C-alpha cells in the first residue's frame, strides 16, 4: 500500500511516516490467519461499525468463511447475512470469491464461472470480476493486462468492462499503457 500511495518502489522515510499517520483511524485490519466461522466475522464487523464507524469491509475470501466448496446452503446463508448486514448498517461489503478453473487462463471468466452457489450472484447488488490478462503480459502488444468487468449492477444501468495496465514500480493499475503512476496526497481526504 505504501508503494501504491507513493507511486514508486522506494518511498522515503518521511512519506512512510506521513502515510502511516494518515491511515491511523482510517484503516483497520482484522488480522486472522486461516479460516474463520462466518458468524464470528459478522460479530467482529458489528463491533467495528459500532466502535470505529467502519463503512467499508473487504473480506478475503468467501472460502475462508464457509467450510467446503460444495456447502451451497452455508454459502447462501453467509452471503444473505452479509447483504442484510450491509443494508441494516448502511455499509459496503466487498467479498472476494473465486471463479472455476477454465480450460485455460487465456480467456476472461464471466459471472457464470463463479464457484459455488448460484445464490451468491443472485443475492448481491454488484458483481465485479477482476481478471489478470496473462496473454497481454506475455505478448506486450499494448492490450490491457487487467480487465475489471462489471457483470451485475442491481441499482444501476451500466454493465461492461474496463482495461488497466499494471505498473510494477508503483504496484498500481493505470488507465493507459505508459501512463504515469499517481502519487496520493495525504491531506484531509
Foldseek 3Di string as FASTA:
>chain_A
DLLQQQQFQDDDPVSVVLVVVLCVLPDDDPDDPAADALVVVLVVVVCCCVPRVDAEEEAPALCSHDPDLAPQVSSLVSLVVVLVSCVVSVHYYHHDFDFADDPDLQDDDAPVRTGGHPSNVVPDQWDKDKHQRVVCVVVVPFFARIKIWTRHHNPDDDTGIAGWHQDPGSRDTHRGPPDRRDNHDSPPD
